[in-house]
All heavy atoms as atom14 arrays in JSON, in Angstrom:
{
  "sequence": "YAQHHARFNASSAYYDLVNRRIADLHEQQFGGLQTIGQFMDRRLAPAM",
  "atom14_mask": [
    [1, 1, 1, 1, 1, 1, 1, 1, 1, 1, 1, 1, 0, 0],
    [1, 1, 1, 1, 1, 0, 0, 0, 0, 0, 0, 0, 0, 0],
    [1, 1, 1, 1, 1, 1, 1, 1, 1, 0, 0, 0, 0, 0],
    [1, 1, 1, 1, 1, 1, 1, 1, 1, 1, 0, 0, 0, 0],
    [1, 1, 1, 1, 1, 1, 1, 1, 1, 1, 0, 0, 0, 0],
    [1, 1, 1, 1, 1, 0, 0, 0, 0, 0, 0, 0, 0, 0],
    [1, 1, 1, 1, 1, 1, 1, 1, 1, 1, 1, 0, 0, 0],
    [1, 1, 1, 1, 1, 1, 1, 1, 1, 1, 1, 0, 0, 0],
    [1, 1, 1, 1, 1, 1, 1, 1, 0, 0, 0, 0, 0, 0],
    [1, 1, 1, 1, 1, 0, 0, 0, 0, 0, 0, 0, 0, 0],
    [1, 1, 1, 1, 1, 1, 0, 0, 0, 0, 0, 0, 0, 0],
    [1, 1, 1, 1, 1, 1, 0, 0, 0, 0, 0, 0, 0, 0],
    [1, 1, 1, 1, 1, 0, 0, 0, 0, 0, 0, 0, 0, 0],
    [1, 1, 1, 1, 1, 1, 1, 1, 1, 1, 1, 1, 0, 0],
    [1, 1, 1, 1, 1, 1, 1, 1, 1, 1, 1, 1, 0, 0],
    [1, 1, 1, 1, 1, 1, 1, 1, 0, 0, 0, 0, 0, 0],
    [1, 1, 1, 1, 1, 1, 1, 1, 0, 0, 0, 0, 0, 0],
    [1, 1, 1, 1, 1, 1, 1, 0, 0, 0, 0, 0, 0, 0],
    [1, 1, 1, 1, 1, 1, 1, 1, 0, 0, 0, 0, 0, 0],
    [1, 1, 1, 1, 1, 1, 1, 1, 1, 1, 1, 0, 0, 0],
    [1, 1, 1, 1, 1, 1, 1, 1, 1, 1, 1, 0, 0, 0],
    [1, 1, 1, 1, 1, 1, 1, 1, 0, 0, 0, 0, 0, 0],
    [1, 1, 1, 1, 1, 0, 0, 0, 0, 0, 0, 0, 0, 0],
    [1, 1, 1, 1, 1, 1, 1, 1, 0, 0, 0, 0, 0, 0],
    [1, 1, 1, 1, 1, 1, 1, 1, 0, 0, 0, 0, 0, 0],
    [1, 1, 1, 1, 1, 1, 1, 1, 1, 1, 0, 0, 0, 0],
    [1, 1, 1, 1, 1, 1, 1, 1, 1, 0, 0, 0, 0, 0],
    [1, 1, 1, 1, 1, 1, 1, 1, 1, 0, 0, 0, 0, 0],
    [1, 1, 1, 1, 1, 1, 1, 1, 1, 0, 0, 0, 0, 0],
    [1, 1, 1, 1, 1, 1, 1, 1, 1, 1, 1, 0, 0, 0],
    [1, 1, 1, 1, 0, 0, 0, 0, 0, 0, 0, 0, 0, 0],
    [1, 1, 1, 1, 0, 0, 0, 0, 0, 0, 0, 0, 0, 0],
    [1, 1, 1, 1, 1, 1, 1, 1, 0, 0, 0, 0, 0, 0],
    [1, 1, 1, 1, 1, 1, 1, 1, 1, 0, 0, 0, 0, 0],
    [1, 1, 1, 1, 1, 1, 1, 0, 0, 0, 0, 0, 0, 0],
    [1, 1, 1, 1, 1, 1, 1, 1, 0, 0, 0, 0, 0, 0],
    [1, 1, 1, 1, 0, 0, 0, 0, 0, 0, 0, 0, 0, 0],
    [1, 1, 1, 1, 1, 1, 1, 1, 1, 0, 0, 0, 0, 0],
    [1, 1, 1, 1, 1, 1, 1, 1, 1, 1, 1, 0, 0, 0],
    [1, 1, 1, 1, 1, 1, 1, 1, 0, 0, 0, 0, 0, 0],
    [1, 1, 1, 1, 1, 1, 1, 1, 0, 0, 0, 0, 0, 0],
    [1, 1, 1, 1, 1, 1, 1, 1, 1, 1, 1, 0, 0, 0],
    [1, 1, 1, 1, 1, 1, 1, 1, 1, 1, 1, 0, 0, 0],
    [1, 1, 1, 1, 1, 1, 1, 1, 0, 0, 0, 0, 0, 0],
    [1, 1, 1, 1, 1, 0, 0, 0, 0, 0, 0, 0, 0, 0],
    [1, 1, 1, 1, 1, 1, 1, 0, 0, 0, 0, 0, 0, 0],
    [1, 1, 1, 1, 1, 0, 0, 0, 0, 0, 0, 0, 0, 0],
    [1, 1, 1, 1, 1, 1, 1, 1, 0, 0, 0, 0, 0, 0]
  ],
  "atom14_positions": [
    [[49.27, 33.77, -27.52], [49.42, 35.19, -27.86], [48.85, 35.46, -29.26], [48.12, 36.44, -29.46], [50.89, 35.58, -27.79], [51.13, 37.06, -27.98], [50.89, 37.97, -26.97], [51.61, 37.54, -29.19], [51.12, 39.33, -27.15], [51.84, 38.89, -29.38], [51.6, 39.77, -28.35], [51.81, 41.1, -28.55], [0.0, 0.0, 0.0], [0.0, 0.0, 0.0]],
    [[49.19, 34.61, -30.21], [48.68, 34.79, -31.58], [47.17, 34.61, -31.64], [46.49, 35.28, -32.42], [49.38, 33.8, -32.52], [0.0, 0.0, 0.0], [0.0, 0.0, 0.0], [0.0, 0.0, 0.0], [0.0, 0.0, 0.0], [0.0, 0.0, 0.0], [0.0, 0.0, 0.0], [0.0, 0.0, 0.0], [0.0, 0.0, 0.0], [0.0, 0.0, 0.0]],
    [[46.65, 33.73, -30.79], [45.22, 33.44, -30.8], [44.39, 34.64, -30.32], [43.3, 34.9, -30.83], [44.94, 32.22, -29.91], [43.47, 31.81, -29.84], [43.26, 30.62, -28.94], [44.21, 30.04, -28.39], [42.02, 30.22, -28.77], [0.0, 0.0, 0.0], [0.0, 0.0, 0.0], [0.0, 0.0, 0.0], [0.0, 0.0, 0.0], [0.0, 0.0, 0.0]],
    [[44.9, 35.39, -29.34], [44.12, 36.46, -28.72], [44.64, 37.86, -29.03], [44.01, 38.84, -28.61], [44.1, 36.27, -27.2], [43.47, 34.99, -26.75], [42.13, 34.73, -26.91], [44.0, 33.89, -26.14], [41.84, 33.53, -26.42], [42.95, 33.01, -25.96], [0.0, 0.0, 0.0], [0.0, 0.0, 0.0], [0.0, 0.0, 0.0], [0.0, 0.0, 0.0]],
    [[45.75, 37.98, -29.73], [46.35, 39.29, -29.94], [45.42, 40.25, -30.68], [45.23, 41.41, -30.28], [47.67, 39.14, -30.71], [48.37, 40.42, -30.99], [48.92, 41.21, -30.01], [48.59, 41.09, -32.16], [49.45, 42.28, -30.54], [49.27, 42.25, -31.85], [0.0, 0.0, 0.0], [0.0, 0.0, 0.0], [0.0, 0.0, 0.0], [0.0, 0.0, 0.0]],
    [[44.8, 39.78, -31.76], [43.92, 40.65, -32.54], [42.71, 41.1, -31.72], [42.28, 42.26, -31.8], [43.47, 39.92, -33.81], [0.0, 0.0, 0.0], [0.0, 0.0, 0.0], [0.0, 0.0, 0.0], [0.0, 0.0, 0.0], [0.0, 0.0, 0.0], [0.0, 0.0, 0.0], [0.0, 0.0, 0.0], [0.0, 0.0, 0.0], [0.0, 0.0, 0.0]],
    [[42.15, 40.18, -30.91], [40.99, 40.52, -30.09], [41.34, 41.59, -29.06], [40.57, 42.53, -28.82], [40.48, 39.27, -29.39], [39.23, 39.46, -28.55], [38.01, 39.67, -29.41], [37.73, 41.07, -29.69], [37.0, 41.47, -30.7], [36.49, 40.62, -31.55], [36.78, 42.76, -30.89], [0.0, 0.0, 0.0], [0.0, 0.0, 0.0], [0.0, 0.0, 0.0]],
    [[42.5, 41.47, -28.42], [42.9, 42.45, -27.42], [43.17, 43.81, -28.07], [42.82, 44.86, -27.49], [44.13, 41.97, -26.66], [43.83, 40.93, -25.62], [44.4, 39.68, -25.67], [42.96, 41.22, -24.58], [44.12, 38.73, -24.7], [42.67, 40.28, -23.6], [43.25, 39.03, -23.66], [0.0, 0.0, 0.0], [0.0, 0.0, 0.0], [0.0, 0.0, 0.0]],
    [[43.77, 43.83, -29.23], [44.01, 45.1, -29.93], [42.69, 45.76, -30.31], [42.53, 46.98, -30.16], [44.86, 44.86, -31.18], [46.33, 44.75, -30.87], [46.76, 45.04, -29.76], [47.11, 44.31, -31.82], [0.0, 0.0, 0.0], [0.0, 0.0, 0.0], [0.0, 0.0, 0.0], [0.0, 0.0, 0.0], [0.0, 0.0, 0.0], [0.0, 0.0, 0.0]],
    [[41.75, 44.96, -30.82], [40.44, 45.51, -31.18], [39.72, 46.03, -29.94], [39.08, 47.09, -29.98], [39.61, 44.44, -31.87], [0.0, 0.0, 0.0], [0.0, 0.0, 0.0], [0.0, 0.0, 0.0], [0.0, 0.0, 0.0], [0.0, 0.0, 0.0], [0.0, 0.0, 0.0], [0.0, 0.0, 0.0], [0.0, 0.0, 0.0], [0.0, 0.0, 0.0]],
    [[39.84, 45.32, -28.82], [39.2, 45.75, -27.59], [39.73, 47.11, -27.14], [38.97, 47.99, -26.73], [39.43, 44.7, -26.5], [38.9, 45.13, -25.26], [0.0, 0.0, 0.0], [0.0, 0.0, 0.0], [0.0, 0.0, 0.0], [0.0, 0.0, 0.0], [0.0, 0.0, 0.0], [0.0, 0.0, 0.0], [0.0, 0.0, 0.0], [0.0, 0.0, 0.0]],
    [[41.04, 47.28, -27.22], [41.64, 48.57, -26.85], [41.15, 49.69, -27.76], [40.86, 50.81, -27.29], [43.16, 48.46, -26.9], [43.77, 49.7, -26.61], [0.0, 0.0, 0.0], [0.0, 0.0, 0.0], [0.0, 0.0, 0.0], [0.0, 0.0, 0.0], [0.0, 0.0, 0.0], [0.0, 0.0, 0.0], [0.0, 0.0, 0.0], [0.0, 0.0, 0.0]],
    [[41.03, 49.41, -29.05], [40.56, 50.43, -30.0], [39.1, 50.81, -29.7], [38.74, 52.0, -29.73], [40.7, 49.92, -31.42], [0.0, 0.0, 0.0], [0.0, 0.0, 0.0], [0.0, 0.0, 0.0], [0.0, 0.0, 0.0], [0.0, 0.0, 0.0], [0.0, 0.0, 0.0], [0.0, 0.0, 0.0], [0.0, 0.0, 0.0], [0.0, 0.0, 0.0]],
    [[38.26, 49.81, -29.42], [36.86, 50.1, -29.11], [36.74, 50.89, -27.8], [35.88, 51.77, -27.68], [36.06, 48.8, -29.0], [35.78, 48.15, -30.34], [36.08, 46.8, -30.57], [35.2, 48.87, -31.37], [35.82, 46.21, -31.78], [34.93, 48.27, -32.6], [35.25, 46.94, -32.8], [34.99, 46.35, -34.01], [0.0, 0.0, 0.0], [0.0, 0.0, 0.0]],
    [[37.58, 50.58, -26.82], [37.55, 51.32, -25.56], [37.92, 52.78, -25.78], [37.32, 53.68, -25.16], [38.5, 50.66, -24.57], [38.52, 51.31, -23.2], [37.34, 51.52, -22.49], [39.72, 51.72, -22.62], [37.35, 52.12, -21.24], [39.74, 52.31, -21.37], [38.56, 52.51, -20.69], [38.57, 53.1, -19.45], [0.0, 0.0, 0.0], [0.0, 0.0, 0.0]],
    [[38.86, 53.04, -26.64], [39.21, 54.42, -26.98], [38.01, 55.14, -27.62], [37.76, 56.32, -27.34], [40.4, 54.46, -27.94], [41.7, 54.06, -27.26], [41.76, 54.11, -26.01], [42.65, 53.68, -27.97], [0.0, 0.0, 0.0], [0.0, 0.0, 0.0], [0.0, 0.0, 0.0], [0.0, 0.0, 0.0], [0.0, 0.0, 0.0], [0.0, 0.0, 0.0]],
    [[37.27, 54.42, -28.47], [36.09, 55.03, -29.09], [35.02, 55.33, -28.05], [34.33, 56.36, -28.13], [35.53, 54.09, -30.16], [36.34, 53.98, -31.45], [35.76, 52.91, -32.36], [36.38, 55.32, -32.18], [0.0, 0.0, 0.0], [0.0, 0.0, 0.0], [0.0, 0.0, 0.0], [0.0, 0.0, 0.0], [0.0, 0.0, 0.0], [0.0, 0.0, 0.0]],
    [[34.84, 54.44, -27.07], [33.87, 54.69, -26.0], [34.23, 55.97, -25.26], [33.37, 56.84, -25.03], [33.82, 53.49, -25.02], [33.0, 53.84, -23.78], [33.22, 52.28, -25.7], [0.0, 0.0, 0.0], [0.0, 0.0, 0.0], [0.0, 0.0, 0.0], [0.0, 0.0, 0.0], [0.0, 0.0, 0.0], [0.0, 0.0, 0.0], [0.0, 0.0, 0.0]],
    [[35.48, 56.11, -24.86], [35.9, 57.31, -24.14], [35.73, 58.57, -24.99], [35.36, 59.64, -24.48], [37.36, 57.17, -23.69], [37.53, 56.13, -22.6], [36.62, 55.93, -21.79], [38.67, 55.47, -22.58], [0.0, 0.0, 0.0], [0.0, 0.0, 0.0], [0.0, 0.0, 0.0], [0.0, 0.0, 0.0], [0.0, 0.0, 0.0], [0.0, 0.0, 0.0]],
    [[35.99, 58.44, -26.28], [35.85, 59.6, -27.17], [34.39, 60.01, -27.3], [34.05, 61.2, -27.28], [36.45, 59.27, -28.53], [36.66, 60.47, -29.43], [37.37, 60.07, -30.7], [38.63, 59.41, -30.41], [39.38, 58.81, -31.33], [38.98, 58.79, -32.6], [40.52, 58.25, -30.99], [0.0, 0.0, 0.0], [0.0, 0.0, 0.0], [0.0, 0.0, 0.0]],
    [[33.5, 59.01, -27.44], [32.07, 59.33, -27.55], [31.52, 59.92, -26.25], [30.68, 60.82, -26.27], [31.28, 58.08, -27.93], [31.62, 57.51, -29.29], [31.28, 58.49, -30.4], [31.54, 57.93, -31.71], [32.68, 58.03, -32.37], [33.69, 58.71, -31.83], [32.84, 57.49, -33.56], [0.0, 0.0, 0.0], [0.0, 0.0, 0.0], [0.0, 0.0, 0.0]],
    [[32.0, 59.43, -25.11], [31.56, 60.0, -23.83], [32.04, 61.45, -23.71], [31.3, 62.32, -23.25], [32.09, 59.15, -22.66], [31.39, 57.79, -22.65], [31.89, 59.86, -21.33], [31.91, 56.83, -21.6], [0.0, 0.0, 0.0], [0.0, 0.0, 0.0], [0.0, 0.0, 0.0], [0.0, 0.0, 0.0], [0.0, 0.0, 0.0], [0.0, 0.0, 0.0]],
    [[33.27, 61.7, -24.13], [33.78, 63.09, -24.09], [32.95, 63.99, -25.0], [32.73, 65.18, -24.67], [35.25, 63.11, -24.5], [0.0, 0.0, 0.0], [0.0, 0.0, 0.0], [0.0, 0.0, 0.0], [0.0, 0.0, 0.0], [0.0, 0.0, 0.0], [0.0, 0.0, 0.0], [0.0, 0.0, 0.0], [0.0, 0.0, 0.0], [0.0, 0.0, 0.0]],
    [[32.46, 63.44, -26.12], [31.66, 64.26, -27.04], [30.3, 64.63, -26.46], [29.64, 65.55, -26.97], [31.45, 63.5, -28.37], [32.74, 63.38, -29.17], [33.66, 64.16, -28.91], [32.82, 62.48, -30.03], [0.0, 0.0, 0.0], [0.0, 0.0, 0.0], [0.0, 0.0, 0.0], [0.0, 0.0, 0.0], [0.0, 0.0, 0.0], [0.0, 0.0, 0.0]],
    [[29.84, 63.9, -25.43], [28.55, 64.22, -24.82], [28.6, 65.53, -24.03], [27.57, 66.16, -23.8], [28.11, 63.08, -23.89], [27.74, 61.75, -24.53], [27.39, 60.72, -23.47], [26.57, 61.91, -25.5], [0.0, 0.0, 0.0], [0.0, 0.0, 0.0], [0.0, 0.0, 0.0], [0.0, 0.0, 0.0], [0.0, 0.0, 0.0], [0.0, 0.0, 0.0]],
    [[29.8, 65.92, -23.55], [29.95, 67.11, -22.71], [29.03, 67.0, -21.48], [28.18, 67.86, -21.22], [29.63, 68.38, -23.48], [30.52, 68.59, -24.67], [30.18, 69.38, -25.74], [31.76, 68.09, -24.97], [31.15, 69.38, -26.63], [32.13, 68.59, -26.18], [0.0, 0.0, 0.0], [0.0, 0.0, 0.0], [0.0, 0.0, 0.0], [0.0, 0.0, 0.0]],
    [[29.23, 65.94, -20.71], [28.35, 65.65, -19.58], [28.54, 66.63, -18.43], [29.65, 67.11, -18.18], [28.62, 64.23, -19.07], [28.09, 63.12, -19.95], [28.23, 61.78, -19.28], [29.38, 61.34, -19.04], [27.19, 61.17, -18.96], [0.0, 0.0, 0.0], [0.0, 0.0, 0.0], [0.0, 0.0, 0.0], [0.0, 0.0, 0.0], [0.0, 0.0, 0.0]],
    [[27.43, 66.85, -17.72], [27.43, 67.6, -16.46], [26.56, 66.85, -15.47], [25.49, 66.34, -15.83], [26.89, 69.03, -16.66], [27.71, 69.87, -17.63], [27.08, 71.24, -17.86], [26.17, 71.64, -17.15], [27.57, 71.95, -18.87], [0.0, 0.0, 0.0], [0.0, 0.0, 0.0], [0.0, 0.0, 0.0], [0.0, 0.0, 0.0], [0.0, 0.0, 0.0]],
    [[27.02, 66.78, -14.23], [26.29, 66.04, -13.21], [25.15, 66.9, -12.66], [25.25, 68.12, -12.58], [27.23, 65.64, -12.07], [26.66, 64.63, -11.1], [27.7, 64.16, -10.11], [28.77, 64.75, -9.98], [27.4, 63.07, -9.4], [0.0, 0.0, 0.0], [0.0, 0.0, 0.0], [0.0, 0.0, 0.0], [0.0, 0.0, 0.0], [0.0, 0.0, 0.0]],
    [[24.05, 66.23, -12.29], [22.94, 66.94, -11.65], [22.26, 65.97, -10.68], [22.28, 64.74, -10.86], [21.94, 67.47, -12.68], [21.08, 66.41, -13.32], [19.84, 66.07, -12.77], [21.52, 65.74, -14.46], [19.07, 65.09, -13.36], [20.73, 64.77, -15.04], [19.49, 64.44, -14.5], [0.0, 0.0, 0.0], [0.0, 0.0, 0.0], [0.0, 0.0, 0.0]],
    [[21.66, 66.54, -9.65], [20.86, 65.76, -8.71], [21.64, 64.69, -7.97], [21.01, 63.76, -7.43], [0.0, 0.0, 0.0], [0.0, 0.0, 0.0], [0.0, 0.0, 0.0], [0.0, 0.0, 0.0], [0.0, 0.0, 0.0], [0.0, 0.0, 0.0], [0.0, 0.0, 0.0], [0.0, 0.0, 0.0], [0.0, 0.0, 0.0], [0.0, 0.0, 0.0]],
    [[22.95, 64.78, -7.93], [23.73, 63.77, -7.23], [23.76, 62.42, -7.93], [24.25, 61.43, -7.34], [0.0, 0.0, 0.0], [0.0, 0.0, 0.0], [0.0, 0.0, 0.0], [0.0, 0.0, 0.0], [0.0, 0.0, 0.0], [0.0, 0.0, 0.0], [0.0, 0.0, 0.0], [0.0, 0.0, 0.0], [0.0, 0.0, 0.0], [0.0, 0.0, 0.0]],
    [[23.25, 62.35, -9.16], [23.24, 61.09, -9.9], [24.59, 60.86, -10.58], [25.3, 61.8, -10.94], [22.12, 61.1, -10.94], [20.69, 61.16, -10.4], [19.7, 61.32, -11.54], [20.38, 59.91, -9.57], [0.0, 0.0, 0.0], [0.0, 0.0, 0.0], [0.0, 0.0, 0.0], [0.0, 0.0, 0.0], [0.0, 0.0, 0.0], [0.0, 0.0, 0.0]],
    [[24.9, 59.6, -10.76], [26.16, 59.23, -11.43], [26.02, 59.44, -12.94], [25.01, 59.05, -13.54], [26.48, 57.76, -11.13], [27.89, 57.34, -11.45], [28.16, 55.92, -10.99], [27.26, 55.09, -10.95], [29.4, 55.64, -10.66], [0.0, 0.0, 0.0], [0.0, 0.0, 0.0], [0.0, 0.0, 0.0], [0.0, 0.0, 0.0], [0.0, 0.0, 0.0]],
    [[27.01, 60.05, -13.55], [26.98, 60.27, -15.0], [27.4, 59.0, -15.73], [27.95, 58.07, -15.14], [27.89, 61.42, -15.41], [29.26, 61.04, -15.16], [27.56, 62.69, -14.63], [0.0, 0.0, 0.0], [0.0, 0.0, 0.0], [0.0, 0.0, 0.0], [0.0, 0.0, 0.0], [0.0, 0.0, 0.0], [0.0, 0.0, 0.0], [0.0, 0.0, 0.0]],
    [[27.16, 59.01, -17.05], [27.57, 57.86, -17.85], [29.08, 57.69, -17.81], [29.61, 56.58, -17.68], [27.07, 58.03, -19.3], [25.54, 58.03, -19.34], [27.62, 56.92, -20.19], [24.96, 58.31, -20.71], [0.0, 0.0, 0.0], [0.0, 0.0, 0.0], [0.0, 0.0, 0.0], [0.0, 0.0, 0.0], [0.0, 0.0, 0.0], [0.0, 0.0, 0.0]],
    [[29.81, 58.81, -17.92], [31.27, 58.75, -17.87], [31.77, 58.21, -16.55], [32.71, 57.39, -16.51], [0.0, 0.0, 0.0], [0.0, 0.0, 0.0], [0.0, 0.0, 0.0], [0.0, 0.0, 0.0], [0.0, 0.0, 0.0], [0.0, 0.0, 0.0], [0.0, 0.0, 0.0], [0.0, 0.0, 0.0], [0.0, 0.0, 0.0], [0.0, 0.0, 0.0]],
    [[31.18, 58.64, -15.44], [31.58, 58.14, -14.12], [31.28, 56.65, -13.99], [32.07, 55.89, -13.42], [30.87, 58.93, -13.03], [31.34, 60.38, -12.91], [30.47, 61.19, -11.97], [29.33, 60.81, -11.65], [30.99, 62.34, -11.53], [0.0, 0.0, 0.0], [0.0, 0.0, 0.0], [0.0, 0.0, 0.0], [0.0, 0.0, 0.0], [0.0, 0.0, 0.0]],
    [[30.12, 56.26, -14.49], [29.77, 54.84, -14.42], [30.76, 53.99, -15.22], [31.22, 52.95, -14.74], [28.35, 54.64, -14.95], [27.89, 53.21, -14.89], [27.29, 52.7, -13.75], [28.07, 52.37, -15.98], [26.87, 51.39, -13.69], [27.65, 51.05, -15.93], [27.05, 50.55, -14.78], [0.0, 0.0, 0.0], [0.0, 0.0, 0.0], [0.0, 0.0, 0.0]],
    [[31.1, 54.44, -16.42], [32.05, 53.69, -17.25], [33.43, 53.66, -16.61], [34.13, 52.64, -16.66], [32.14, 54.31, -18.65], [30.86, 54.2, -19.46], [30.38, 52.5, -19.79], [28.84, 52.78, -20.69], [0.0, 0.0, 0.0], [0.0, 0.0, 0.0], [0.0, 0.0, 0.0], [0.0, 0.0, 0.0], [0.0, 0.0, 0.0], [0.0, 0.0, 0.0]],
    [[33.82, 54.78, -16.01], [35.13, 54.82, -15.38], [35.19, 53.87, -14.19], [36.25, 53.3, -13.89], [35.42, 56.26, -14.93], [36.84, 56.41, -14.42], [37.78, 56.16, -15.2], [37.01, 56.79, -13.25], [0.0, 0.0, 0.0], [0.0, 0.0, 0.0], [0.0, 0.0, 0.0], [0.0, 0.0, 0.0], [0.0, 0.0, 0.0], [0.0, 0.0, 0.0]],
    [[34.05, 53.69, -13.52], [34.03, 52.82, -12.35], [33.87, 51.35, -12.72], [34.46, 50.48, -12.08], [32.88, 53.25, -11.43], [32.78, 52.43, -10.15], [31.57, 52.84, -9.34], [31.39, 51.96, -8.2], [30.32, 51.97, -7.41], [29.34, 52.83, -7.66], [30.22, 51.14, -6.39], [0.0, 0.0, 0.0], [0.0, 0.0, 0.0], [0.0, 0.0, 0.0]],
    [[33.09, 51.07, -13.76], [32.78, 49.67, -14.09], [33.53, 49.14, -15.3], [33.99, 48.0, -15.3], [31.27, 49.54, -14.34], [30.42, 49.96, -13.17], [30.58, 49.03, -11.99], [29.79, 49.47, -10.84], [28.52, 49.13, -10.64], [27.9, 48.37, -11.53], [27.88, 49.56, -9.58], [0.0, 0.0, 0.0], [0.0, 0.0, 0.0], [0.0, 0.0, 0.0]],
    [[33.63, 49.96, -16.35], [34.26, 49.49, -17.58], [35.78, 49.56, -17.5], [36.47, 48.64, -17.97], [33.76, 50.31, -18.78], [34.33, 49.93, -20.16], [33.99, 48.48, -20.5], [33.81, 50.87, -21.23], [0.0, 0.0, 0.0], [0.0, 0.0, 0.0], [0.0, 0.0, 0.0], [0.0, 0.0, 0.0], [0.0, 0.0, 0.0], [0.0, 0.0, 0.0]],
    [[36.31, 50.62, -16.9], [37.76, 50.78, -16.85], [38.46, 49.61, -16.16], [39.49, 49.13, -16.66], [38.11, 52.1, -16.16], [0.0, 0.0, 0.0], [0.0, 0.0, 0.0], [0.0, 0.0, 0.0], [0.0, 0.0, 0.0], [0.0, 0.0, 0.0], [0.0, 0.0, 0.0], [0.0, 0.0, 0.0], [0.0, 0.0, 0.0], [0.0, 0.0, 0.0]],
    [[37.97, 49.1, -15.0], [38.65, 47.94, -14.41], [38.67, 46.71, -15.32], [39.66, 45.97, -15.35], [37.84, 47.67, -13.14], [37.22, 48.98, -12.79], [36.91, 49.62, -14.11], [0.0, 0.0, 0.0], [0.0, 0.0, 0.0], [0.0, 0.0, 0.0], [0.0, 0.0, 0.0], [0.0, 0.0, 0.0], [0.0, 0.0, 0.0], [0.0, 0.0, 0.0]],
    [[37.57, 46.5, -16.06], [37.54, 45.37, -16.99], [38.6, 45.53, -18.08], [39.3, 44.57, -18.44], [36.16, 45.22, -17.61], [0.0, 0.0, 0.0], [0.0, 0.0, 0.0], [0.0, 0.0, 0.0], [0.0, 0.0, 0.0], [0.0, 0.0, 0.0], [0.0, 0.0, 0.0], [0.0, 0.0, 0.0], [0.0, 0.0, 0.0], [0.0, 0.0, 0.0]],
    [[38.73, 46.76, -18.57], [39.72, 46.99, -19.62], [41.14, 46.92, -19.06], [42.07, 46.5, -19.76], [39.49, 48.35, -20.28], [38.11, 48.5, -20.92], [37.65, 47.1, -21.97], [38.97, 47.11, -23.16], [0.0, 0.0, 0.0], [0.0, 0.0, 0.0], [0.0, 0.0, 0.0], [0.0, 0.0, 0.0], [0.0, 0.0, 0.0], [0.0, 0.0, 0.0]]
  ]
}
């Protein structure tokens, strides 16, 4: 726990920054293509 605690806390903080930066993009979908936010929610969220 002591060995990995700092890394997991930093990972959670960076993930929050990713979501905040994606929200700042104000994305809108077009052409039936997957947005960056949708892609991250599908691929990055399970990893986190």
